[in-house]
Amino acid sequence: MTAEIVLMADPRIAAIPVEECGEPLVDVRRSGIRTGKERLDEAGAYAHLREGVVQRLLHAQELLPDGLRLAMVEGYRPLELQREYFEEYEARLRHLNPGWSAAELRSAASRYVSPPEIAPHSAGGAVDLTLADEDGRELDMGTPMNASPEESAGACYTDGPGVSPQGRANRAVLGAALTAAGLVNYPTEWWHWSYGDRYWALRTGAGTAVYGPRRLGPSGA
């Protein structure tokens, strides 16, 4: 039987309290985790994560088979940018599905972009990442990162249909290392993993989240 997928728009997630631990956002580029191409982002926000998440990623990288490394694409996302992404995708779904209610649109949009008020990326607790070899070449993961459910016919789901055997095997390697390090996957996106946020709290039964929405200051605070 397929496990229930709890979407980010589910009221159970918003109901989880946050007991902010005050952990800083740190620059992953100084940690030994490979990051993608520099973005047009003066503050380098995309390359920041909570300190505890970075520590867990480094542990996960140690658990990977020889010759493989994590390749991070995006971590922290300012709340304003998260809201922009969510509203853009929701508008696209509204155009494709004019008969859907506001609740249906919000739920469907949350398969791909979290509602801003609970977004793990804006708390610095979520990371979008993949696997690469020692030369930085990304492995076949079955779909490109950030492929939407519509673009991929559902293959972007971690256990989705139509994924090649090699892609599925690589997803399993990535998932095993990250799970062992304490992160949880959002099952509609094979690349999205988090720790410390409300979704993580729901999945692990932690009761409270330790990371809430955060603004990136000059020192990462």
C-alpha atoms as a PDB file:
ATOM      1  CA  MET A   1       0.000   0.000   0.000  1.00  0.00           C
ATOM      2  CA  THR A   2       1.342   3.456  -0.952  1.00  0.00           C
ATOM      3  CA  ALA A   3       2.036   5.677   2.061  1.00  0.00           C
ATOM      4  CA  GLU A   4      -0.079   8.794   2.432  1.00  0.00           C
ATOM      5  CA  ILE A   5       1.549  11.908   1.013  1.00  0.00           C
ATOM      6  CA  VAL A   6       0.928  14.862   3.312  1.00  0.00           C
ATOM      7  CA  LEU A   7       1.185  18.046   1.257  1.00  0.00           C
ATOM      8  CA  MET A   8       2.628  21.281   2.588  1.00  0.00           C
ATOM      9  CA  ALA A   9      -0.808  22.930   2.483  1.00  0.00           C
ATOM     10  CA  ASP A  10      -2.185  20.387   4.946  1.00  0.00           C
ATOM     11  CA  PRO A  11      -3.512  22.204   8.071  1.00  0.00           C
ATOM     12  CA  ARG A  12      -1.646  19.707  10.264  1.00  0.00           C
ATOM     13  CA  ILE A  13       1.631  21.285   9.206  1.00  0.00           C
ATOM     14  CA  ALA A  14       0.602  24.884   9.874  1.00  0.00           C
ATOM     15  CA  ALA A  15      -0.673  23.788  13.302  1.00  0.00           C
ATOM     16  CA  ILE A  16       2.768  22.630  14.444  1.00  0.00           C
ATOM     17  CA  PRO A  17       4.312  25.181  16.842  1.00  0.00           C
ATOM     18  CA  VAL A  18       7.799  26.571  16.316  1.00  0.00           C
ATOM     19  CA  GLU A  19      10.251  26.821  19.198  1.00  0.00           C
ATOM     20  CA  GLU A  20      12.961  28.782  17.427  1.00  0.00           C
ATOM     21  CA  CYS A  21      16.409  27.631  18.510  1.00  0.00           C
ATOM     22  CA  GLY A  22      18.212  30.702  17.186  1.00  0.00           C
ATOM     23  CA  GLU A  23      20.719  28.729  15.129  1.00  0.00           C
ATOM     24  CA  PRO A  24      22.415  30.941  12.506  1.00  0.00           C
ATOM     25  CA  LEU A  25      22.294  30.634   8.761  1.00  0.00           C
ATOM     26  CA  VAL A  26      25.757  29.745   7.477  1.00  0.00           C
ATOM     27  CA  ASP A  27      27.306  29.813   4.018  1.00  0.00           C
ATOM     28  CA  VAL A  28      27.480  26.262   2.643  1.00  0.00           C
ATOM     29  CA  ARG A  29      30.204  27.287   0.192  1.00  0.00           C
ATOM     30  CA  ARG A  30      32.664  27.320   3.108  1.00  0.00           C
ATOM     31  CA  SER A  31      31.727  23.844   4.302  1.00  0.00           C
ATOM     32  CA  GLY A  32      32.938  21.418   1.651  1.00  0.00           C
ATOM     33  CA  ILE A  33      29.496  20.836   0.144  1.00  0.00           C
ATOM     34  CA  ARG A  34      29.513  21.438  -3.594  1.00  0.00           C
ATOM     35  CA  THR A  35      27.131  24.148  -4.811  1.00  0.00           C
ATOM     36  CA  GLY A  36      25.862  24.865  -8.294  1.00  0.00           C
ATOM     37  CA  LYS A  37      26.408  27.895 -10.476  1.00  0.00           C
ATOM     38  CA  GLU A  38      26.484  31.232  -8.738  1.00  0.00           C
ATOM     39  CA  ARG A  39      23.121  32.951  -8.921  1.00  0.00           C
ATOM     40  CA  LEU A  40      22.350  36.602  -9.473  1.00  0.00           C
ATOM     41  CA  ASP A  41      21.989  36.942  -5.740  1.00  0.00           C
ATOM     42  CA  GLU A  42      24.248  39.540  -4.145  1.00  0.00           C
ATOM     43  CA  ALA A  43      23.802  38.111  -0.653  1.00  0.00           C
ATOM     44  CA  GLY A  44      24.326  34.516  -1.811  1.00  0.00           C
ATOM     45  CA  ALA A  45      21.109  33.618   0.004  1.00  0.00           C
ATOM     46  CA  TYR A  46      20.647  30.390  -1.972  1.00  0.00           C
ATOM     47  CA  ALA A  47      23.908  29.029  -0.535  1.00  0.00           C
ATOM     48  CA  HIS A  48      22.897  29.430   3.107  1.00  0.00           C
ATOM     49  CA  LEU A  49      21.371  26.891   5.490  1.00  0.00           C
ATOM     50  CA  ARG A  50      20.970  26.528   9.222  1.00  0.00           C
ATOM     51  CA  GLU A  51      24.159  25.345  10.872  1.00  0.00           C
ATOM     52  CA  GLY A  52      22.592  22.074  11.998  1.00  0.00           C
ATOM     53  CA  VAL A  53      21.449  21.253   8.470  1.00  0.00           C
ATOM     54  CA  VAL A  54      24.958  21.807   7.110  1.00  0.00           C
ATOM     55  CA  GLN A  55      26.395  19.474   9.760  1.00  0.00           C
ATOM     56  CA  ARG A  56      23.909  16.790   8.746  1.00  0.00           C
ATOM     57  CA  LEU A  57      24.705  17.226   5.061  1.00  0.00           C
ATOM     58  CA  LEU A  58      28.396  16.766   5.775  1.00  0.00           C
ATOM     59  CA  HIS A  59      27.564  13.571   7.650  1.00  0.00           C
ATOM     60  CA  ALA A  60      25.390  12.373   4.753  1.00  0.00           C
ATOM     61  CA  GLN A  61      28.222  13.053   2.318  1.00  0.00           C
ATOM     62  CA  GLU A  62      30.519  10.829   4.377  1.00  0.00           C
ATOM     63  CA  LEU A  63      27.971   8.017   4.019  1.00  0.00           C
ATOM     64  CA  LEU A  64      27.907   8.130   0.218  1.00  0.00           C
ATOM     65  CA  PRO A  65      29.733   5.501  -1.853  1.00  0.00           C
ATOM     66  CA  ASP A  66      33.260   6.376  -2.943  1.00  0.00           C
ATOM     67  CA  GLY A  67      33.337   8.777  -5.860  1.00  0.00           C
ATOM     68  CA  LEU A  68      30.004  10.464  -5.109  1.00  0.00           C
ATOM     69  CA  ARG A  69      29.288  13.822  -3.531  1.00  0.00           C
ATOM     70  CA  LEU A  70      26.265  15.930  -2.716  1.00  0.00           C
ATOM     71  CA  ALA A  71      25.577  18.803  -5.099  1.00  0.00           C
ATOM     72  CA  MET A  72      23.420  21.524  -3.587  1.00  0.00           C
ATOM     73  CA  VAL A  73      21.339  23.777  -5.815  1.00  0.00           C
ATOM     74  CA  GLU A  74      19.342  25.895  -3.375  1.00  0.00           C
ATOM     75  CA  GLY A  75      18.993  26.274   0.365  1.00  0.00           C
ATOM     76  CA  TYR A  76      17.637  29.398   2.014  1.00  0.00           C
ATOM     77  CA  ARG A  77      14.995  31.342   0.131  1.00  0.00           C
ATOM     78  CA  PRO A  78      13.847  34.789   1.291  1.00  0.00           C
ATOM     79  CA  LEU A  79      10.162  34.932   2.186  1.00  0.00           C
ATOM     80  CA  GLU A  80       9.419  37.429  -0.576  1.00  0.00           C
ATOM     81  CA  LEU A  81      10.895  35.117  -3.201  1.00  0.00           C
ATOM     82  CA  GLN A  82       9.023  32.126  -1.783  1.00  0.00           C
ATOM     83  CA  ARG A  83       5.756  34.063  -2.031  1.00  0.00           C
ATOM     84  CA  GLU A  84       6.545  35.018  -5.634  1.00  0.00           C
ATOM     85  CA  TYR A  85       7.235  31.393  -6.605  1.00  0.00           C
ATOM     86  CA  PHE A  86       4.077  30.144  -4.918  1.00  0.00           C
ATOM     87  CA  GLU A  87       1.806  32.751  -6.479  1.00  0.00           C
ATOM     88  CA  GLU A  88       3.289  32.213  -9.947  1.00  0.00           C
ATOM     89  CA  TYR A  89       2.736  28.456  -9.826  1.00  0.00           C
ATOM     90  CA  GLU A  90      -0.732  28.833  -8.327  1.00  0.00           C
ATOM     91  CA  ALA A  91      -1.640  31.219 -11.170  1.00  0.00           C
ATOM     92  CA  ARG A  92      -0.372  28.696 -13.722  1.00  0.00           C
ATOM     93  CA  LEU A  93      -2.539  25.980 -12.191  1.00  0.00           C
ATOM     94  CA  ARG A  94      -5.530  28.326 -12.123  1.00  0.00           C
ATOM     95  CA  HIS A  95      -5.110  28.899 -15.857  1.00  0.00           C
ATOM     96  CA  LEU A  96      -4.907  25.151 -16.530  1.00  0.00           C
ATOM     97  CA  ASN A  97      -7.783  24.285 -14.192  1.00  0.00           C
ATOM     98  CA  PRO A  98     -10.305  27.165 -14.216  1.00  0.00           C
ATOM     99  CA  GLY A  99     -12.903  25.113 -12.339  1.00  0.00           C
ATOM    100  CA  TRP A 100     -10.746  24.460  -9.279  1.00  0.00           C
ATOM    101  CA  SER A 101     -11.604  26.082  -5.950  1.00  0.00           C
ATOM    102  CA  ALA A 102      -9.122  28.219  -4.024  1.00  0.00           C
ATOM    103  CA  ALA A 103      -8.508  25.315  -1.637  1.00  0.00           C
ATOM    104  CA  GLU A 104      -7.854  22.902  -4.515  1.00  0.00           C
ATOM    105  CA  LEU A 105      -5.418  25.346  -6.114  1.00  0.00           C
ATOM    106  CA  ARG A 106      -3.553  25.895  -2.858  1.00  0.00           C
ATOM    107  CA  SER A 107      -3.253  22.168  -2.228  1.00  0.00           C
ATOM    108  CA  ALA A 108      -2.107  21.382  -5.761  1.00  0.00           C
ATOM    109  CA  ALA A 109       0.386  24.257  -5.766  1.00  0.00           C
ATOM    110  CA  SER A 110       1.911  22.941  -2.550  1.00  0.00           C
ATOM    111  CA  ARG A 111       3.026  19.770  -4.334  1.00  0.00           C
ATOM    112  CA  TYR A 112       5.728  21.896  -5.934  1.00  0.00           C
ATOM    113  CA  VAL A 113       6.072  25.148  -3.923  1.00  0.00           C
ATOM    114  CA  SER A 114       5.386  25.492  -0.216  1.00  0.00           C
ATOM    115  CA  PRO A 115       2.917  28.111   1.006  1.00  0.00           C
ATOM    116  CA  PRO A 116       5.084  31.028   2.171  1.00  0.00           C
ATOM    117  CA  GLU A 117       3.963  31.030   5.791  1.00  0.00           C
ATOM    118  CA  ILE A 118       5.268  27.503   6.450  1.00  0.00           C
ATOM    119  CA  ALA A 119       7.995  27.199   3.801  1.00  0.00           C
ATOM    120  CA  PRO A 120      11.001  25.136   4.961  1.00  0.00           C
ATOM    121  CA  HIS A 121      13.311  27.011   2.570  1.00  0.00           C
ATOM    122  CA  SER A 122      12.477  30.340   4.227  1.00  0.00           C
ATOM    123  CA  ALA A 123      13.377  28.837   7.594  1.00  0.00           C
ATOM    124  CA  GLY A 124      16.781  27.765   6.294  1.00  0.00           C
ATOM    125  CA  GLY A 125      15.904  24.156   7.013  1.00  0.00           C
ATOM    126  CA  ALA A 126      15.384  22.846   3.469  1.00  0.00           C
ATOM    127  CA  VAL A 127      17.813  22.077   0.694  1.00  0.00           C
ATOM    128  CA  ASP A 128      17.376  21.122  -2.951  1.00  0.00           C
ATOM    129  CA  LEU A 129      20.206  18.833  -3.956  1.00  0.00           C
ATOM    130  CA  THR A 130      21.356  15.944  -6.107  1.00  0.00           C
ATOM    131  CA  LEU A 131      24.317  13.611  -6.551  1.00  0.00           C
ATOM    132  CA  ALA A 132      27.469  14.304  -8.549  1.00  0.00           C
ATOM    133  CA  ASP A 133      30.689  12.475  -9.286  1.00  0.00           C
ATOM    134  CA  GLU A 134      34.101  13.749  -8.231  1.00  0.00           C
ATOM    135  CA  ASP A 135      34.326  15.886 -11.363  1.00  0.00           C
ATOM    136  CA  GLY A 136      31.034  17.613 -10.610  1.00  0.00           C
ATOM    137  CA  ARG A 137      28.962  15.796 -13.214  1.00  0.00           C
ATOM    138  CA  GLU A 138      25.430  15.313 -11.939  1.00  0.00           C
ATOM    139  CA  LEU A 139      24.040  11.784 -11.957  1.00  0.00           C
ATOM    140  CA  ASP A 140      20.874  10.608 -13.680  1.00  0.00           C
ATOM    141  CA  MET A 141      18.082  11.031 -11.137  1.00  0.00           C
ATOM    142  CA  GLY A 142      15.192  10.225 -13.457  1.00  0.00           C
ATOM    143  CA  THR A 143      14.063  13.823 -14.019  1.00  0.00           C
ATOM    144  CA  PRO A 144      15.763  17.199 -14.003  1.00  0.00           C
ATOM    145  CA  MET A 145      15.715  18.913 -10.655  1.00  0.00           C
ATOM    146  CA  ASN A 146      12.697  21.217 -10.262  1.00  0.00           C
ATOM    147  CA  ALA A 147      10.670  19.372 -12.903  1.00  0.00           C
ATOM    148  CA  SER A 148       7.034  20.066 -12.032  1.00  0.00           C
ATOM    149  CA  PRO A 149       4.407  17.315 -11.716  1.00  0.00           C
ATOM    150  CA  GLU A 150       2.909  18.502 -15.003  1.00  0.00           C
ATOM    151  CA  GLU A 151       6.225  18.558 -16.869  1.00  0.00           C
ATOM    152  CA  SER A 152       7.339  15.154 -15.581  1.00  0.00           C
ATOM    153  CA  ALA A 153       3.978  13.331 -15.568  1.00  0.00           C
ATOM    154  CA  GLY A 154       4.537  12.704 -11.876  1.00  0.00           C
ATOM    155  CA  ALA A 155       8.063  11.313 -12.211  1.00  0.00           C
ATOM    156  CA  CYS A 156       9.340  14.139  -9.987  1.00  0.00           C
ATOM    157  CA  TYR A 157       7.681  12.332  -7.065  1.00  0.00           C
ATOM    158  CA  THR A 158      10.371  10.413  -5.182  1.00  0.00           C
ATOM    159  CA  ASP A 159       8.554   7.133  -5.817  1.00  0.00           C
ATOM    160  CA  GLY A 160       6.809   8.351  -8.957  1.00  0.00           C
ATOM    161  CA  PRO A 161       6.125   6.425 -12.162  1.00  0.00           C
ATOM    162  CA  GLY A 162       8.248   6.334 -15.291  1.00  0.00           C
ATOM    163  CA  VAL A 163      11.640   6.664 -13.588  1.00  0.00           C
ATOM    164  CA  SER A 164      14.515   4.755 -15.201  1.00  0.00           C
ATOM    165  CA  PRO A 165      16.163   1.955 -13.177  1.00  0.00           C
ATOM    166  CA  GLN A 166      19.361   4.011 -12.961  1.00  0.00           C
ATOM    167  CA  GLY A 167      17.490   7.099 -11.816  1.00  0.00           C
ATOM    168  CA  ARG A 168      15.615   5.119  -9.199  1.00  0.00           C
ATOM    169  CA  ALA A 169      18.842   3.520  -7.948  1.00  0.00           C
ATOM    170  CA  ASN A 170      20.526   6.921  -7.649  1.00  0.00           C
ATOM    171  CA  ARG A 171      17.541   8.320  -5.766  1.00  0.00           C
ATOM    172  CA  ALA A 172      17.837   5.413  -3.352  1.00  0.00           C
ATOM    173  CA  VAL A 173      21.529   6.152  -2.730  1.00  0.00           C
ATOM    174  CA  LEU A 174      20.793   9.832  -2.091  1.00  0.00           C
ATOM    175  CA  GLY A 175      17.838   9.019   0.130  1.00  0.00           C
ATOM    176  CA  ALA A 176      19.675   6.458   2.225  1.00  0.00           C
ATOM    177  CA  ALA A 177      22.475   8.878   3.108  1.00  0.00           C
ATOM    178  CA  LEU A 178      20.216  11.836   3.857  1.00  0.00           C
ATOM    179  CA  THR A 179      17.757   9.782   5.897  1.00  0.00           C
ATOM    180  CA  ALA A 180      20.595   8.319   7.957  1.00  0.00           C
ATOM    181  CA  ALA A 181      21.772  11.873   8.658  1.00  0.00           C
ATOM    182  CA  GLY A 182      18.351  12.855  10.014  1.00  0.00           C
ATOM    183  CA  LEU A 183      16.750  14.704   7.098  1.00  0.00           C
ATOM    184  CA  VAL A 184      13.306  13.987   5.654  1.00  0.00           C
ATOM    185  CA  ASN A 185      12.177  14.082   2.039  1.00  0.00           C
ATOM    186  CA  TYR A 186       9.164  15.875   0.627  1.00  0.00           C
ATOM    187  CA  PRO A 187       7.819  12.979  -1.459  1.00  0.00           C
ATOM    188  CA  THR A 188       6.554  15.063  -4.380  1.00  0.00           C
ATOM    189  CA  GLU A 189      10.119  16.282  -5.048  1.00  0.00           C
ATOM    190  CA  TRP A 190      12.983  13.789  -4.977  1.00  0.00           C
ATOM    191  CA  TRP A 191      15.487  16.639  -4.553  1.00  0.00           C
ATOM    192  CA  HIS A 192      13.877  18.395  -1.544  1.00  0.00           C
ATOM    193  CA  TRP A 193      15.114  17.419   1.932  1.00  0.00           C
ATOM    194  CA  SER A 194      14.770  19.201   5.251  1.00  0.00           C
ATOM    195  CA  TYR A 195      15.511  19.195   8.943  1.00  0.00           C
ATOM    196  CA  GLY A 196      14.102  21.217  11.831  1.00  0.00           C
ATOM    197  CA  ASP A 197      11.109  22.758  10.033  1.00  0.00           C
ATOM    198  CA  ARG A 198       7.407  22.060  10.527  1.00  0.00           C
ATOM    199  CA  TYR A 199       7.267  19.393   7.835  1.00  0.00           C
ATOM    200  CA  TRP A 200      10.208  17.590   9.445  1.00  0.00           C
ATOM    201  CA  ALA A 201       8.411  17.798  12.801  1.00  0.00           C
ATOM    202  CA  LEU A 202       5.290  16.208  11.327  1.00  0.00           C
ATOM    203  CA  ARG A 203       7.217  13.398   9.646  1.00  0.00           C
ATOM    204  CA  THR A 204       9.346  12.579  12.676  1.00  0.00           C
ATOM    205  CA  GLY A 205       6.731  13.151  15.392  1.00  0.00           C
ATOM    206  CA  ALA A 206       8.932  15.795  17.005  1.00  0.00           C
ATOM    207  CA  GLY A 207       5.934  17.838  18.130  1.00  0.00           C
ATOM    208  CA  THR A 208       7.580  21.201  17.521  1.00  0.00           C
ATOM    209  CA  ALA A 209       9.783  22.702  14.832  1.00  0.00           C
ATOM    210  CA  VAL A 210      13.092  24.258  15.848  1.00  0.00           C
ATOM    211  CA  TYR A 211      13.438  26.503  12.788  1.00  0.00           C
ATOM    212  CA  GLY A 212      10.957  29.235  11.886  1.00  0.00           C
ATOM    213  CA  PRO A 213      11.042  31.902   9.146  1.00  0.00           C
ATOM    214  CA  ARG A 214      14.370  33.693   9.104  1.00  0.00           C
ATOM    215  CA  ARG A 215      15.883  36.761   7.477  1.00  0.00           C
ATOM    216  CA  LEU A 216      19.447  36.647   6.221  1.00  0.00           C
ATOM    217  CA  GLY A 217      21.547  39.267   7.999  1.00  0.00           C
ATOM    218  CA  PRO A 218      25.108  40.447   7.296  1.00  0.00           C
ATOM    219  CA  SER A 219      26.576  37.605   9.374  1.00  0.00           C
ATOM    220  CA  GLY A 220      23.975  34.980   8.451  1.00  0.00           C
ATOM    221  CA  ALA A 221      21.830  35.639  11.524  1.00  0.00           C
END
